[in-house]
PDB file of all heavy atoms in Angstrom:
ATOM      1  N   ASP A   1      49.802  50.811  47.818  1.00  0.00           N
ATOM      2  CA  ASP A   1      50.356  49.549  48.298  1.00  0.00           C
ATOM      3  C   ASP A   1      51.724  49.254  47.696  1.00  0.00           C
ATOM      4  O   ASP A   1      52.511  48.480  48.268  1.00  0.00           O
ATOM      5  CB  ASP A   1      49.400  48.389  47.968  1.00  0.00           C
ATOM      6  CG  ASP A   1      48.143  48.423  48.829  1.00  0.00           C
ATOM      7  OD1 ASP A   1      48.215  49.009  49.939  1.00  0.00           O
ATOM      8  OD2 ASP A   1      47.118  47.878  48.410  1.00  0.00           O
ATOM      9  N   ALA A   2      52.012  49.842  46.537  1.00  0.00           N
ATOM     10  CA  ALA A   2      53.266  49.552  45.855  1.00  0.00           C
ATOM     11  C   ALA A   2      54.464  50.247  46.499  1.00  0.00           C
ATOM     12  O   ALA A   2      55.608  49.872  46.245  1.00  0.00           O
ATOM     13  CB  ALA A   2      53.172  49.985  44.386  1.00  0.00           C
ATOM     14  N   LEU A   3      54.200  51.240  47.340  1.00  0.00           N
ATOM     15  CA  LEU A   3      55.300  51.975  47.958  1.00  0.00           C
ATOM     16  C   LEU A   3      56.156  51.071  48.842  1.00  0.00           C
ATOM     17  O   LEU A   3      57.369  51.251  48.949  1.00  0.00           O
ATOM     18  CB  LEU A   3      54.762  53.160  48.764  1.00  0.00           C
ATOM     19  CG  LEU A   3      54.012  54.230  47.964  1.00  0.00           C
ATOM     20  CD1 LEU A   3      53.538  55.356  48.877  1.00  0.00           C
ATOM     21  CD2 LEU A   3      54.904  54.788  46.856  1.00  0.00           C
ATOM     22  N   GLY A   4      55.515  50.097  49.488  1.00  0.00           N
ATOM     23  CA  GLY A   4      56.270  49.154  50.311  1.00  0.00           C
ATOM     24  C   GLY A   4      57.211  48.305  49.472  1.00  0.00           C
ATOM     25  O   GLY A   4      58.313  47.953  49.924  1.00  0.00           O
ATOM     26  N   VAL A   5      56.811  47.983  48.247  1.00  0.00           N
ATOM     27  CA  VAL A   5      57.665  47.200  47.340  1.00  0.00           C
ATOM     28  C   VAL A   5      58.902  48.013  46.961  1.00  0.00           C
ATOM     29  O   VAL A   5      60.022  47.497  46.964  1.00  0.00           O
ATOM     30  CB  VAL A   5      56.880  46.790  46.076  1.00  0.00           C
ATOM     31  CG1 VAL A   5      57.790  46.036  45.101  1.00  0.00           C
ATOM     32  CG2 VAL A   5      55.673  45.946  46.448  1.00  0.00           C
ATOM     33  N   ILE A   6      58.691  49.281  46.649  1.00  0.00           N
ATOM     34  CA  ILE A   6      59.813  50.136  46.262  1.00  0.00           C
ATOM     35  C   ILE A   6      60.773  50.332  47.436  1.00  0.00           C
ATOM     36  O   ILE A   6      61.995  50.282  47.276  1.00  0.00           O
ATOM     37  CB  ILE A   6      59.307  51.494  45.749  1.00  0.00           C
ATOM     38  CG1 ILE A   6      58.516  51.292  44.455  1.00  0.00           C
ATOM     39  CG2 ILE A   6      60.463  52.469  45.527  1.00  0.00           C
ATOM     40  CD1 ILE A   6      57.912  52.556  43.888  1.00  0.00           C
ATOM     41  N   ALA A   7      60.199  50.537  48.625  1.00  0.00           N
ATOM     42  CA  ALA A   7      61.042  50.701  49.811  1.00  0.00           C
ATOM     43  C   ALA A   7      61.876  49.445  50.052  1.00  0.00           C
ATOM     44  O   ALA A   7      63.067  49.535  50.395  1.00  0.00           O
ATOM     45  CB  ALA A   7      60.185  51.008  51.036  1.00  0.00           C
ATOM     46  N   ALA A   8      61.263  48.278  49.857  1.00  0.00           N
ATOM     47  CA  ALA A   8      61.998  47.024  50.032  1.00  0.00           C
ATOM     48  C   ALA A   8      63.064  46.869  48.963  1.00  0.00           C
ATOM     49  O   ALA A   8      64.143  46.319  49.218  1.00  0.00           O
ATOM     50  CB  ALA A   8      61.024  45.841  49.989  1.00  0.00           C
ATOM     51  N   HIS A   9      62.778  47.359  47.755  1.00  0.00           N
ATOM     52  CA  HIS A   9      63.742  47.236  46.654  1.00  0.00           C
ATOM     53  C   HIS A   9      65.013  48.026  46.937  1.00  0.00           C
ATOM     54  O   HIS A   9      66.100  47.665  46.479  1.00  0.00           O
ATOM     55  CB  HIS A   9      63.103  47.744  45.360  1.00  0.00           C
ATOM     56  CG  HIS A   9      63.693  47.137  44.120  1.00  0.00           C
ATOM     57  ND1 HIS A   9      65.052  47.114  43.876  1.00  0.00           N
ATOM     58  CD2 HIS A   9      63.115  46.528  43.045  1.00  0.00           C
ATOM     59  CE1 HIS A   9      65.278  46.518  42.719  1.00  0.00           C
ATOM     60  NE2 HIS A   9      64.129  46.151  42.198  1.00  0.00           N
ATOM     61  N   LEU A  10      64.887  49.108  47.696  1.00  0.00           N
ATOM     62  CA  LEU A  10      66.064  49.891  48.046  1.00  0.00           C
ATOM     63  C   LEU A  10      67.005  49.109  48.961  1.00  0.00           C
ATOM     64  O   LEU A  10      68.173  49.458  49.101  1.00  0.00           O
ATOM     65  CB  LEU A  10      65.646  51.199  48.716  1.00  0.00           C
ATOM     66  CG  LEU A  10      64.898  52.178  47.813  1.00  0.00           C
ATOM     67  CD1 LEU A  10      64.361  53.353  48.607  1.00  0.00           C
ATOM     68  CD2 LEU A  10      65.791  52.668  46.687  1.00  0.00           C
ATOM     69  N   GLY A  11      66.463  48.065  49.583  1.00  0.00           N
ATOM     70  CA  GLY A  11      67.297  47.183  50.383  1.00  0.00           C
ATOM     71  C   GLY A  11      67.853  46.038  49.568  1.00  0.00           C
ATOM     72  O   GLY A  11      69.062  45.848  49.482  1.00  0.00           O
ATOM     73  N   HIS A  12      66.961  45.264  48.924  1.00  0.00           N
ATOM     74  CA  HIS A  12      67.391  44.127  48.108  1.00  0.00           C
ATOM     75  C   HIS A  12      66.234  43.695  47.230  1.00  0.00           C
ATOM     76  O   HIS A  12      65.067  43.771  47.641  1.00  0.00           O
ATOM     77  CB  HIS A  12      67.840  42.957  48.992  1.00  0.00           C
ATOM     78  CG  HIS A  12      68.657  41.933  48.264  1.00  0.00           C
ATOM     79  ND1 HIS A  12      68.083  40.890  47.563  1.00  0.00           N
ATOM     80  CD2 HIS A  12      69.988  41.794  48.113  1.00  0.00           C
ATOM     81  CE1 HIS A  12      69.038  40.142  47.024  1.00  0.00           C
ATOM     82  NE2 HIS A  12      70.202  40.673  47.342  1.00  0.00           N
ATOM     83  N   HIS A  13      66.549  43.226  46.015  1.00  0.00           N
ATOM     84  CA  HIS A  13      65.480  42.849  45.084  1.00  0.00           C
ATOM     85  C   HIS A  13      64.691  41.647  45.585  1.00  0.00           C
ATOM     86  O   HIS A  13      63.513  41.498  45.273  1.00  0.00           O
ATOM     87  CB  HIS A  13      66.060  42.568  43.693  1.00  0.00           C
ATOM     88  CG  HIS A  13      66.811  41.282  43.588  1.00  0.00           C
ATOM     89  ND1 HIS A  13      68.161  41.181  43.886  1.00  0.00           N
ATOM     90  CD2 HIS A  13      66.406  40.027  43.222  1.00  0.00           C
ATOM     91  CE1 HIS A  13      68.552  39.937  43.697  1.00  0.00           C
ATOM     92  NE2 HIS A  13      67.525  39.228  43.309  1.00  0.00           N
ATOM     93  N   THR A  14      65.316  40.763  46.369  1.00  0.00           N
ATOM     94  CA  THR A  14      64.600  39.610  46.901  1.00  0.00           C
ATOM     95  C   THR A  14      63.510  40.058  47.863  1.00  0.00           C
ATOM     96  O   THR A  14      62.378  39.531  47.838  1.00  0.00           O
ATOM     97  CB  THR A  14      65.562  38.655  47.616  1.00  0.00           C
ATOM     98  OG1 THR A  14      66.550  38.211  46.691  1.00  0.00           O
ATOM     99  CG2 THR A  14      64.817  37.436  48.163  1.00  0.00           C
ATOM    100  N   ALA A  15      63.831  41.031  48.708  1.00  0.00           N
ATOM    101  CA  ALA A  15      62.832  41.560  49.632  1.00  0.00           C
ATOM    102  C   ALA A  15      61.680  42.203  48.868  1.00  0.00           C
ATOM    103  O   ALA A  15      60.499  42.033  49.228  1.00  0.00           O
ATOM    104  CB  ALA A  15      63.484  42.578  50.568  1.00  0.00           C
ATOM    105  N   ALA A  16      62.007  42.926  47.808  1.00  0.00           N
ATOM    106  CA  ALA A  16      60.961  43.567  47.008  1.00  0.00           C
ATOM    107  C   ALA A  16      60.040  42.531  46.378  1.00  0.00           C
ATOM    108  O   ALA A  16      58.812  42.691  46.378  1.00  0.00           O
ATOM    109  CB  ALA A  16      61.601  44.438  45.931  1.00  0.00           C
ATOM    110  N   CYS A  17      60.624  41.478  45.834  1.00  0.00           N
ATOM    111  CA  CYS A  17      59.812  40.437  45.202  1.00  0.00           C
ATOM    112  C   CYS A  17      58.951  39.705  46.225  1.00  0.00           C
ATOM    113  O   CYS A  17      57.818  39.302  45.926  1.00  0.00           O
ATOM    114  CB  CYS A  17      60.723  39.446  44.474  1.00  0.00           C
ATOM    115  SG  CYS A  17      61.537  40.134  43.012  1.00  0.00           S
ATOM    116  N   THR A  18      59.468  39.537  47.420  1.00  0.00           N
ATOM    117  CA  THR A  18      58.699  38.873  48.471  1.00  0.00           C
ATOM    118  C   THR A  18      57.490  39.706  48.867  1.00  0.00           C
ATOM    119  O   THR A  18      56.372  39.182  48.994  1.00  0.00           O
ATOM    120  CB  THR A  18      59.593  38.634  49.701  1.00  0.00           C
ATOM    121  OG1 THR A  18      60.719  37.841  49.322  1.00  0.00           O
ATOM    122  CG2 THR A  18      58.813  37.904  50.789  1.00  0.00           C
ATOM    123  N   VAL A  19      57.708  41.007  49.064  1.00  0.00           N
ATOM    124  CA  VAL A  19      56.589  41.899  49.399  1.00  0.00           C
ATOM    125  C   VAL A  19      55.581  41.941  48.259  1.00  0.00           C
ATOM    126  O   VAL A  19      54.364  41.853  48.476  1.00  0.00           O
ATOM    127  CB  VAL A  19      57.111  43.312  49.706  1.00  0.00           C
ATOM    128  CG1 VAL A  19      55.948  44.278  49.918  1.00  0.00           C
ATOM    129  CG2 VAL A  19      58.010  43.298  50.936  1.00  0.00           C
ATOM    130  N   ALA A  20      56.065  42.050  47.026  1.00  0.00           N
ATOM    131  CA  ALA A  20      55.176  42.106  45.870  1.00  0.00           C
ATOM    132  C   ALA A  20      54.381  40.820  45.712  1.00  0.00           C
ATOM    133  O   ALA A  20      53.212  40.843  45.311  1.00  0.00           O
ATOM    134  CB  ALA A  20      55.990  42.374  44.606  1.00  0.00           C
ATOM    135  N   SER A  21      55.005  39.692  46.050  1.00  0.00           N
ATOM    136  CA  SER A  21      54.322  38.401  45.930  1.00  0.00           C
ATOM    137  C   SER A  21      53.098  38.343  46.837  1.00  0.00           C
ATOM    138  O   SER A  21      52.020  37.889  46.422  1.00  0.00           O
ATOM    139  CB  SER A  21      55.293  37.270  46.278  1.00  0.00           C
ATOM    140  OG  SER A  21      54.636  36.025  46.275  1.00  0.00           O
ATOM    141  N   GLY A  22      53.269  38.825  48.078  1.00  0.00           N
ATOM    142  CA  GLY A  22      52.138  38.819  49.001  1.00  0.00           C
ATOM    143  C   GLY A  22      51.014  39.732  48.542  1.00  0.00           C
ATOM    144  O   GLY A  22      49.832  39.366  48.615  1.00  0.00           O
ATOM    145  N   LEU A  23      51.364  40.907  48.056  1.00  0.00           N
ATOM    146  CA  LEU A  23      50.353  41.851  47.573  1.00  0.00           C
ATOM    147  C   LEU A  23      49.662  41.342  46.314  1.00  0.00           C
ATOM    148  O   LEU A  23      48.455  41.552  46.121  1.00  0.00           O
ATOM    149  CB  LEU A  23      51.001  43.210  47.303  1.00  0.00           C
ATOM    150  CG  LEU A  23      51.554  43.942  48.537  1.00  0.00           C
ATOM    151  CD1 LEU A  23      52.344  45.166  48.120  1.00  0.00           C
ATOM    152  CD2 LEU A  23      50.407  44.329  49.472  1.00  0.00           C
ATOM    153  N   LEU A  24      50.422  40.656  45.468  1.00  0.00           N
ATOM    154  CA  LEU A  24      49.843  40.089  44.251  1.00  0.00           C
ATOM    155  C   LEU A  24      48.875  38.968  44.591  1.00  0.00           C
ATOM    156  O   LEU A  24      47.770  38.884  44.022  1.00  0.00           O
ATOM    157  CB  LEU A  24      50.965  39.565  43.348  1.00  0.00           C
ATOM    158  CG  LEU A  24      50.566  38.981  41.993  1.00  0.00           C
ATOM    159  CD1 LEU A  24      49.937  40.057  41.113  1.00  0.00           C
ATOM    160  CD2 LEU A  24      51.790  38.395  41.284  1.00  0.00           C
ATOM    161  N   ALA A  25      49.265  38.106  45.521  1.00  0.00           N
ATOM    162  CA  ALA A  25      48.402  36.986  45.923  1.00  0.00           C
ATOM    163  C   ALA A  25      47.127  37.486  46.599  1.00  0.00           C
ATOM    164  O   ALA A  25      46.054  36.871  46.454  1.00  0.00           O
ATOM    165  CB  ALA A  25      49.167  36.052  46.860  1.00  0.00           C
ATOM    166  N   ALA A  26      47.228  38.599  47.322  1.00  0.00           N
ATOM    167  CA  ALA A  26      46.062  39.143  48.014  1.00  0.00           C
ATOM    168  C   ALA A  26      45.172  39.971  47.092  1.00  0.00           C
ATOM    169  O   ALA A  26      44.109  40.423  47.506  1.00  0.00           O
ATOM    170  CB  ALA A  26      46.514  40.006  49.191  1.00  0.00           C
ATOM    171  N   GLY A  27      45.606  40.172  45.843  1.00  0.00           N
ATOM    172  CA  GLY A  27      44.818  40.939  44.894  1.00  0.00           C
ATOM    173  C   GLY A  27      44.919  42.438  45.074  1.00  0.00           C
ATOM    174  O   GLY A  27      44.152  43.196  44.472  1.00  0.00           O
ATOM    175  N   ARG A  28      45.875  42.884  45.873  1.00  0.00           N
ATOM    176  CA  ARG A  28      46.014  44.326  46.109  1.00  0.00           C
ATOM    177  C   ARG A  28      46.857  45.001  45.031  1.00  0.00           C
ATOM    178  O   ARG A  28      46.828  46.219  44.888  1.00  0.00           O
ATOM    179  CB  ARG A  28      46.622  44.556  47.493  1.00  0.00           C
ATOM    180  CG  ARG A  28      45.703  44.069  48.606  1.00  0.00           C
ATOM    181  CD  ARG A  28      46.389  44.075  49.963  1.00  0.00           C
ATOM    182  NE  ARG A  28      46.778  45.422  50.385  1.00  0.00           N
ATOM    183  CZ  ARG A  28      47.374  45.672  51.554  1.00  0.00           C
ATOM    184  NH1 ARG A  28      47.654  44.662  52.380  1.00  0.00           N
ATOM    185  NH2 ARG A  28      47.699  46.911  51.876  1.00  0.00           N
ATOM    186  N   LEU A  29      47.626  44.193  44.294  1.00  0.00           N
ATOM    187  CA  LEU A  29      48.367  44.685  43.136  1.00  0.00           C
ATOM    188  C   LEU A  29      48.127  43.742  41.968  1.00  0.00           C
ATOM    189  O   LEU A  29      48.085  42.516  42.150  1.00  0.00           O
ATOM    190  CB  LEU A  29      49.870  44.767  43.433  1.00  0.00           C
ATOM    191  CG  LEU A  29      50.366  45.837  44.411  1.00  0.00           C
ATOM    192  CD1 LEU A  29      51.876  45.716  44.580  1.00  0.00           C
ATOM    193  CD2 LEU A  29      49.981  47.238  43.964  1.00  0.00           C
ATOM    194  N   SER A  30      47.984  44.312  40.771  1.00  0.00           N
ATOM    195  CA  SER A  30      47.841  43.496  39.568  1.00  0.00           C
ATOM    196  C   SER A  30      49.222  43.153  39.022  1.00  0.00           C
ATOM    197  O   SER A  30      50.243  43.656  39.486  1.00  0.00           O
ATOM    198  CB  SER A  30      47.044  44.261  38.512  1.00  0.00           C
ATOM    199  OG  SER A  30      47.769  45.409  38.084  1.00  0.00           O
ATOM    200  N   VAL A  31      49.242  42.266  38.014  1.00  0.00           N
ATOM    201  CA  VAL A  31      50.515  41.927  37.358  1.00  0.00           C
ATOM    202  C   VAL A  31      51.164  43.189  36.795  1.00  0.00           C
ATOM    203  O   VAL A  31      52.364  43.402  36.927  1.00  0.00           O
ATOM    204  CB  VAL A  31      50.274  40.882  36.247  1.00  0.00           C
ATOM    205  CG1 VAL A  31      51.537  40.698  35.408  1.00  0.00           C
ATOM    206  CG2 VAL A  31      49.852  39.556  36.852  1.00  0.00           C
ATOM    207  N   ARG A  32      50.345  44.035  36.171  1.00  0.00           N
ATOM    208  CA  ARG A  32      50.852  45.299  35.615  1.00  0.00           C
ATOM    209  C   ARG A  32      51.468  46.165  36.710  1.00  0.00           C
ATOM    210  O   ARG A  32      52.560  46.723  36.549  1.00  0.00           O
ATOM    211  CB  ARG A  32      49.716  46.050  34.929  1.00  0.00           C
ATOM    212  CG  ARG A  32      50.078  47.444  34.442  1.00  0.00           C
ATOM    213  CD  ARG A  32      48.830  48.146  33.905  1.00  0.00           C
ATOM    214  NE  ARG A  32      49.118  49.497  33.413  1.00  0.00           N
ATOM    215  CZ  ARG A  32      49.156  50.576  34.188  1.00  0.00           C
ATOM    216  NH1 ARG A  32      48.952  50.449  35.501  1.00  0.00           N
ATOM    217  NH2 ARG A  32      49.402  51.770  33.667  1.00  0.00           N
ATOM    218  N   ASP A  33      50.772  46.277  37.837  1.00  0.00           N
ATOM    219  CA  ASP A  33      51.268  47.099  38.945  1.00  0.00           C
ATOM    220  C   ASP A  33      52.607  46.584  39.456  1.00  0.00           C
ATOM    221  O   ASP A  33      53.514  47.368  39.742  1.00  0.00           O
ATOM    222  CB  ASP A  33      50.255  47.120  40.091  1.00  0.00           C
ATOM    223  CG  ASP A  33      48.971  47.844  39.731  1.00  0.00           C
ATOM    224  OD1 ASP A  33      49.024  48.716  38.849  1.00  0.00           O
ATOM    225  OD2 ASP A  33      47.928  47.517  40.326  1.00  0.00           O
ATOM    226  N   VAL A  34      52.712  45.269  39.573  1.00  0.00           N
ATOM    227  CA  VAL A  34      53.943  44.677  40.104  1.00  0.00           C
ATOM    228  C   VAL A  34      55.123  44.951  39.182  1.00  0.00           C
ATOM    229  O   VAL A  34      56.203  45.351  39.631  1.00  0.00           O
ATOM    230  CB  VAL A  34      53.761  43.155  40.312  1.00  0.00           C
ATOM    231  CG1 VAL A  34      55.112  42.481  40.575  1.00  0.00           C
ATOM    232  CG2 VAL A  34      52.811  42.891  41.466  1.00  0.00           C
ATOM    233  N   VAL A  35      54.916  44.740  37.886  1.00  0.00           N
ATOM    234  CA  VAL A  35      56.011  44.937  36.927  1.00  0.00           C
ATOM    235  C   VAL A  35      56.471  46.393  36.928  1.00  0.00           C
ATOM    236  O   VAL A  35      57.670  46.687  37.028  1.00  0.00           O
ATOM    237  CB  VAL A  35      55.572  44.514  35.511  1.00  0.00           C
ATOM    238  CG1 VAL A  35      56.646  44.886  34.487  1.00  0.00           C
ATOM    239  CG2 VAL A  35      55.304  43.012  35.469  1.00  0.00           C
ATOM    240  N   ILE A  36      55.531  47.321  36.839  1.00  0.00           N
ATOM    241  CA  ILE A  36      55.886  48.745  36.792  1.00  0.00           C
ATOM    242  C   ILE A  36      56.523  49.187  38.108  1.00  0.00           C
ATOM    243  O   ILE A  36      57.500  49.942  38.117  1.00  0.00           O
ATOM    244  CB  ILE A  36      54.640  49.585  36.474  1.00  0.00           C
ATOM    245  CG1 ILE A  36      54.193  49.321  35.028  1.00  0.00           C
ATOM    246  CG2 ILE A  36      54.902  51.077  36.690  1.00  0.00           C
ATOM    247  CD1 ILE A  36      52.904  50.004  34.629  1.00  0.00           C
ATOM    248  N   THR A  37      55.995  48.694  39.222  1.00  0.00           N
ATOM    249  CA  THR A  37      56.556  49.060  40.526  1.00  0.00           C
ATOM    250  C   THR A  37      57.986  48.567  40.673  1.00  0.00           C
ATOM    251  O   THR A  37      58.867  49.295  41.154  1.00  0.00           O
ATOM    252  CB  THR A  37      55.688  48.484  41.653  1.00  0.00           C
ATOM    253  OG1 THR A  37      54.375  49.040  41.571  1.00  0.00           O
ATOM    254  CG2 THR A  37      56.282  48.803  43.016  1.00  0.00           C
ATOM    255  N   LEU A  38      58.251  47.337  40.279  1.00  0.00           N
ATOM    256  CA  LEU A  38      59.603  46.789  40.380  1.00  0.00           C
ATOM    257  C   LEU A  38      60.572  47.549  39.479  1.00  0.00           C
ATOM    258  O   LEU A  38      61.739  47.752  39.841  1.00  0.00           O
ATOM    259  CB  LEU A  38      59.597  45.305  40.031  1.00  0.00           C
ATOM    260  CG  LEU A  38      58.981  44.378  41.072  1.00  0.00           C
ATOM    261  CD1 LEU A  38      58.924  42.947  40.544  1.00  0.00           C
ATOM    262  CD2 LEU A  38      59.747  44.418  42.388  1.00  0.00           C
ATOM    263  N   LEU A  39      60.086  47.976  38.318  1.00  0.00           N
ATOM    264  CA  LEU A  39      60.952  48.749  37.424  1.00  0.00           C
ATOM    265  C   LEU A  39      61.276  50.124  38.026  1.00  0.00           C
ATOM    266  O   LEU A  39      62.414  50.595  37.949  1.00  0.00           O
ATOM    267  CB  LEU A  39      60.290  48.904  36.053  1.00  0.00           C
ATOM    268  CG  LEU A  39      60.211  47.628  35.208  1.00  0.00           C
ATOM    269  CD1 LEU A  39      59.389  47.871  33.947  1.00  0.00           C
ATOM    270  CD2 LEU A  39      61.602  47.140  34.838  1.00  0.00           C
ATOM    271  N   PHE A  40      60.269  50.760  38.631  1.00  0.00           N
ATOM    272  CA  PHE A  40      60.532  52.026  39.325  1.00  0.00           C
ATOM    273  C   PHE A  40      61.525  51.800  40.471  1.00  0.00           C
ATOM    274  O   PHE A  40      62.445  52.598  40.685  1.00  0.00           O
ATOM    275  CB  PHE A  40      59.233  52.618  39.884  1.00  0.00           C
ATOM    276  CG  PHE A  40      58.523  53.541  38.931  1.00  0.00           C
ATOM    277  CD1 PHE A  40      57.195  53.334  38.598  1.00  0.00           C
ATOM    278  CD2 PHE A  40      59.178  54.634  38.379  1.00  0.00           C
ATOM    279  CE1 PHE A  40      56.521  54.188  37.724  1.00  0.00           C
ATOM    280  CE2 PHE A  40      58.513  55.501  37.503  1.00  0.00           C
ATOM    281  CZ  PHE A  40      57.195  55.270  37.180  1.00  0.00           C
ATOM    282  N   GLY A  41      61.324  50.719  41.203  1.00  0.00           N
ATOM    283  CA  GLY A  41      62.245  50.401  42.285  1.00  0.00           C
ATOM    284  C   GLY A  41      63.651  50.167  41.781  1.00  0.00           C
ATOM    285  O   GLY A  41      64.634  50.549  42.434  1.00  0.00           O
ATOM    286  N   ASN A  42      63.751  49.550  40.609  1.00  0.00           N
ATOM    287  CA  ASN A  42      65.064  49.297  40.019  1.00  0.00           C
ATOM    288  C   ASN A  42      65.779  50.611  39.689  1.00  0.00           C
ATOM    289  O   ASN A  42      67.000  50.733  39.881  1.00  0.00           O
ATOM    290  CB  ASN A  42      64.892  48.456  38.754  1.00  0.00           C
ATOM    291  CG  ASN A  42      66.170  47.763  38.339  1.00  0.00           C
ATOM    292  OD1 ASN A  42      66.736  46.981  39.087  1.00  0.00           O
ATOM    293  ND2 ASN A  42      66.634  48.046  37.146  1.00  0.00           N
ATOM    294  N   VAL A  43      65.020  51.598  39.202  1.00  0.00           N
ATOM    295  CA  VAL A  43      65.618  52.894  38.873  1.00  0.00           C
ATOM    296  C   VAL A  43      66.094  53.607  40.135  1.00  0.00           C
ATOM    297  O   VAL A  43      67.227  54.111  40.200  1.00  0.00           O
ATOM    298  CB  VAL A  43      64.613  53.778  38.111  1.00  0.00           C
ATOM    299  CG1 VAL A  43      65.154  55.194  37.954  1.00  0.00           C
ATOM    300  CG2 VAL A  43      64.318  53.180  36.743  1.00  0.00           C
ATOM    301  N   LEU A  44      65.254  53.650  41.163  1.00  0.00           N
ATOM    302  CA  LEU A  44      65.648  54.318  42.397  1.00  0.00           C
ATOM    303  C   LEU A  44      66.806  53.600  43.084  1.00  0.00           C
ATOM    304  O   LEU A  44      67.741  54.238  43.591  1.00  0.00           O
ATOM    305  CB  LEU A  44      64.456  54.399  43.357  1.00  0.00           C
ATOM    306  CG  LEU A  44      63.336  55.365  42.967  1.00  0.00           C
ATOM    307  CD1 LEU A  44      62.216  55.326  43.993  1.00  0.00           C
ATOM    308  CD2 LEU A  44      63.867  56.789  42.850  1.00  0.00           C
TER     309      LEU A  44
END
């Protein structure tokens, strides 16, 4: 599920955070998953 966050991050960090917010609220990603995914997205 985190791959969509990384793909969005390649466009803009706001889009990535928006996608991550929905996945976090739905319980599909944990806080740990979101932080690590956003950091990976930041590197790419």
